[in-house]
Amino acid sequence: MQNVVLDTNALLMPFEFRINLDLELKRLLGEFQAYVPGCVIGELRRSSSKHAAVALSLARKYPLAETEVQGDAGVIEVARRLDAFVVTNDALIRSKLRKLGMKTIFLRSGNHLAIDGDY
């Protein structure tokens, strides 16, 4: 089973782009376990997005992965620890992850998820 770490914008995707995150991840990976880093919960609580409250509700569906590190570094730390894909549309974190040789999944064409790179 493949592990997946969801960052803040991944949890907003279902409400901004009307995609089913679980179905898309299952299509790409088969069986998977998604985790939400603790730092992402904090970001959603502070977010000004009109979808933040429902994204926070969605985040509660997945196990929480504790980390003392904040922001992108926290997402990366959890993904490393769990040997997981990171689901994100954030170009900066995708670039950081690529340089570290880590696996990412992103939203392509606004309607489906795709794996970044050769995995």
C-alpha atoms as a PDB file:
ATOM      1  CA  MET A   1       0.000   0.000   0.000  1.00  0.00           C
ATOM      2  CA  GLN A   2       1.341   3.417  -0.975  1.00  0.00           C
ATOM      3  CA  ASN A   3       1.435   6.288   1.514  1.00  0.00           C
ATOM      4  CA  VAL A   4       0.338   9.770   0.474  1.00  0.00           C
ATOM      5  CA  VAL A   5       0.777  13.098   2.264  1.00  0.00           C
ATOM      6  CA  LEU A   6      -1.803  15.789   1.538  1.00  0.00           C
ATOM      7  CA  ASP A   7      -0.699  19.413   1.688  1.00  0.00           C
ATOM      8  CA  THR A   8      -2.992  22.390   2.185  1.00  0.00           C
ATOM      9  CA  ASN A   9      -3.879  22.988  -1.449  1.00  0.00           C
ATOM     10  CA  ALA A  10      -4.500  19.259  -1.993  1.00  0.00           C
ATOM     11  CA  LEU A  11      -7.246  19.447   0.630  1.00  0.00           C
ATOM     12  CA  LEU A  12      -8.710  22.498  -1.118  1.00  0.00           C
ATOM     13  CA  MET A  13      -8.719  20.837  -4.587  1.00  0.00           C
ATOM     14  CA  PRO A  14     -12.009  18.931  -4.190  1.00  0.00           C
ATOM     15  CA  PHE A  15     -13.839  22.185  -3.439  1.00  0.00           C
ATOM     16  CA  GLU A  16     -12.045  24.449  -5.900  1.00  0.00           C
ATOM     17  CA  PHE A  17     -11.935  22.017  -8.839  1.00  0.00           C
ATOM     18  CA  ARG A  18     -14.703  19.543  -8.013  1.00  0.00           C
ATOM     19  CA  ILE A  19     -12.562  16.418  -8.090  1.00  0.00           C
ATOM     20  CA  ASN A  20     -12.887  13.405  -5.817  1.00  0.00           C
ATOM     21  CA  LEU A  21      -9.487  13.167  -4.167  1.00  0.00           C
ATOM     22  CA  ASP A  22      -9.929   9.590  -2.936  1.00  0.00           C
ATOM     23  CA  LEU A  23     -11.148   8.272  -6.297  1.00  0.00           C
ATOM     24  CA  GLU A  24      -8.334  10.023  -8.178  1.00  0.00           C
ATOM     25  CA  LEU A  25      -5.683   8.680  -5.799  1.00  0.00           C
ATOM     26  CA  LYS A  26      -7.153   5.175  -6.030  1.00  0.00           C
ATOM     27  CA  ARG A  27      -7.107   5.434  -9.846  1.00  0.00           C
ATOM     28  CA  LEU A  28      -3.418   6.382  -9.788  1.00  0.00           C
ATOM     29  CA  LEU A  29      -2.089   4.228  -6.971  1.00  0.00           C
ATOM     30  CA  GLY A  30      -4.584   1.484  -6.196  1.00  0.00           C
ATOM     31  CA  GLU A  31      -4.685   1.006  -2.433  1.00  0.00           C
ATOM     32  CA  PHE A  32      -3.274   3.965  -0.532  1.00  0.00           C
ATOM     33  CA  GLN A  33      -3.211   5.554   2.899  1.00  0.00           C
ATOM     34  CA  ALA A  34      -3.395   9.342   3.052  1.00  0.00           C
ATOM     35  CA  TYR A  35      -1.998  11.409   5.923  1.00  0.00           C
ATOM     36  CA  VAL A  36      -2.346  15.075   6.845  1.00  0.00           C
ATOM     37  CA  PRO A  37       0.651  16.741   8.525  1.00  0.00           C
ATOM     38  CA  GLY A  38      -0.187  18.722  11.665  1.00  0.00           C
ATOM     39  CA  CYS A  39       1.247  21.876  10.088  1.00  0.00           C
ATOM     40  CA  VAL A  40      -1.389  21.634   7.323  1.00  0.00           C
ATOM     41  CA  ILE A  41      -4.189  21.755   9.905  1.00  0.00           C
ATOM     42  CA  GLY A  42      -2.714  25.000  11.221  1.00  0.00           C
ATOM     43  CA  GLU A  43      -2.483  26.455   7.718  1.00  0.00           C
ATOM     44  CA  LEU A  44      -6.120  25.607   7.023  1.00  0.00           C
ATOM     45  CA  ARG A  45      -7.207  27.210  10.303  1.00  0.00           C
ATOM     46  CA  ARG A  46      -5.387  30.425   9.323  1.00  0.00           C
ATOM     47  CA  SER A  47      -6.450  30.335   5.661  1.00  0.00           C
ATOM     48  CA  SER A  48      -8.643  33.026   4.169  1.00  0.00           C
ATOM     49  CA  SER A  49      -9.957  30.633   1.499  1.00  0.00           C
ATOM     50  CA  LYS A  50     -13.723  30.378   1.407  1.00  0.00           C
ATOM     51  CA  HIS A  51     -13.219  26.593   1.283  1.00  0.00           C
ATOM     52  CA  ALA A  52     -10.920  26.351   4.326  1.00  0.00           C
ATOM     53  CA  ALA A  53     -13.632  25.176   6.737  1.00  0.00           C
ATOM     54  CA  VAL A  54     -14.789  22.300   4.510  1.00  0.00           C
ATOM     55  CA  ALA A  55     -11.166  21.409   3.673  1.00  0.00           C
ATOM     56  CA  LEU A  56     -10.485  21.224   7.420  1.00  0.00           C
ATOM     57  CA  SER A  57     -13.485  18.922   7.766  1.00  0.00           C
ATOM     58  CA  LEU A  58     -12.108  16.728   4.949  1.00  0.00           C
ATOM     59  CA  ALA A  59      -8.685  16.657   6.639  1.00  0.00           C
ATOM     60  CA  ARG A  60     -10.243  15.063   9.733  1.00  0.00           C
ATOM     61  CA  LYS A  61     -11.087  12.016   7.605  1.00  0.00           C
ATOM     62  CA  TYR A  62      -7.387  11.121   7.370  1.00  0.00           C
ATOM     63  CA  PRO A  63      -4.849  10.205  10.062  1.00  0.00           C
ATOM     64  CA  LEU A  64      -2.847  13.113  11.445  1.00  0.00           C
ATOM     65  CA  ALA A  65       0.932  12.918  11.036  1.00  0.00           C
ATOM     66  CA  GLU A  66       2.536  14.956  13.791  1.00  0.00           C
ATOM     67  CA  THR A  67       5.521  17.156  13.026  1.00  0.00           C
ATOM     68  CA  GLU A  68       7.240  19.966  14.893  1.00  0.00           C
ATOM     69  CA  VAL A  69       8.253  21.565  11.587  1.00  0.00           C
ATOM     70  CA  GLN A  70       6.023  24.174   9.935  1.00  0.00           C
ATOM     71  CA  GLY A  71       5.072  24.880   6.320  1.00  0.00           C
ATOM     72  CA  ASP A  72       6.580  23.083   3.343  1.00  0.00           C
ATOM     73  CA  ALA A  73       9.400  21.700   5.486  1.00  0.00           C
ATOM     74  CA  GLY A  74       6.827  19.951   7.683  1.00  0.00           C
ATOM     75  CA  VAL A  75       5.110  18.370   4.680  1.00  0.00           C
ATOM     76  CA  ILE A  76       8.496  17.212   3.345  1.00  0.00           C
ATOM     77  CA  GLU A  77       9.563  15.836   6.742  1.00  0.00           C
ATOM     78  CA  VAL A  78       6.369  13.764   7.058  1.00  0.00           C
ATOM     79  CA  ALA A  79       6.629  12.513   3.465  1.00  0.00           C
ATOM     80  CA  ARG A  80      10.226  11.427   4.045  1.00  0.00           C
ATOM     81  CA  ARG A  81       9.353   9.644   7.278  1.00  0.00           C
ATOM     82  CA  LEU A  82       6.431   7.798   5.633  1.00  0.00           C
ATOM     83  CA  ASP A  83       8.162   7.247   2.256  1.00  0.00           C
ATOM     84  CA  ALA A  84       5.123   8.883   0.695  1.00  0.00           C
ATOM     85  CA  PHE A  85       3.979  10.739  -2.368  1.00  0.00           C
ATOM     86  CA  VAL A  86       3.095  14.382  -1.705  1.00  0.00           C
ATOM     87  CA  VAL A  87      -0.141  15.613  -3.272  1.00  0.00           C
ATOM     88  CA  THR A  88       0.293  19.312  -4.046  1.00  0.00           C
ATOM     89  CA  ASN A  89      -0.220  21.906  -6.729  1.00  0.00           C
ATOM     90  CA  ASP A  90       2.270  24.288  -5.166  1.00  0.00           C
ATOM     91  CA  ALA A  91       5.060  24.814  -7.740  1.00  0.00           C
ATOM     92  CA  LEU A  92       7.641  25.741  -5.109  1.00  0.00           C
ATOM     93  CA  ILE A  93       7.203  22.621  -2.978  1.00  0.00           C
ATOM     94  CA  ARG A  94       7.014  20.450  -6.105  1.00  0.00           C
ATOM     95  CA  SER A  95      10.377  21.880  -7.185  1.00  0.00           C
ATOM     96  CA  LYS A  96      11.878  21.233  -3.719  1.00  0.00           C
ATOM     97  CA  LEU A  97      10.550  17.671  -3.733  1.00  0.00           C
ATOM     98  CA  ARG A  98      11.870  17.020  -7.250  1.00  0.00           C
ATOM     99  CA  LYS A  99      15.366  18.178  -6.181  1.00  0.00           C
ATOM    100  CA  LEU A 100      15.187  15.793  -3.212  1.00  0.00           C
ATOM    101  CA  GLY A 101      14.141  12.916  -5.499  1.00  0.00           C
ATOM    102  CA  MET A 102      10.759  12.639  -3.806  1.00  0.00           C
ATOM    103  CA  LYS A 103       7.501  11.658  -5.509  1.00  0.00           C
ATOM    104  CA  THR A 104       4.665  14.110  -6.141  1.00  0.00           C
ATOM    105  CA  ILE A 105       1.118  14.024  -7.432  1.00  0.00           C
ATOM    106  CA  PHE A 106      -0.456  17.174  -8.847  1.00  0.00           C
ATOM    107  CA  LEU A 107      -3.622  18.432 -10.503  1.00  0.00           C
ATOM    108  CA  ARG A 108      -3.400  18.319 -14.285  1.00  0.00           C
ATOM    109  CA  SER A 109      -5.750  20.257 -16.578  1.00  0.00           C
ATOM    110  CA  GLY A 110      -7.913  21.198 -13.602  1.00  0.00           C
ATOM    111  CA  ASN A 111      -9.771  17.891 -13.653  1.00  0.00           C
ATOM    112  CA  HIS A 112      -7.541  14.948 -12.730  1.00  0.00           C
ATOM    113  CA  LEU A 113      -4.453  14.029 -10.714  1.00  0.00           C
ATOM    114  CA  ALA A 114      -1.177  12.962 -12.313  1.00  0.00           C
ATOM    115  CA  ILE A 115       2.111  11.601 -11.003  1.00  0.00           C
ATOM    116  CA  ASP A 116       5.061  13.923 -11.527  1.00  0.00           C
ATOM    117  CA  GLY A 117       8.050  12.146 -13.021  1.00  0.00           C
ATOM    118  CA  ASP A 118       8.750   8.510 -13.771  1.00  0.00           C
ATOM    119  CA  TYR A 119       7.140   6.387 -11.064  1.00  0.00           C
END
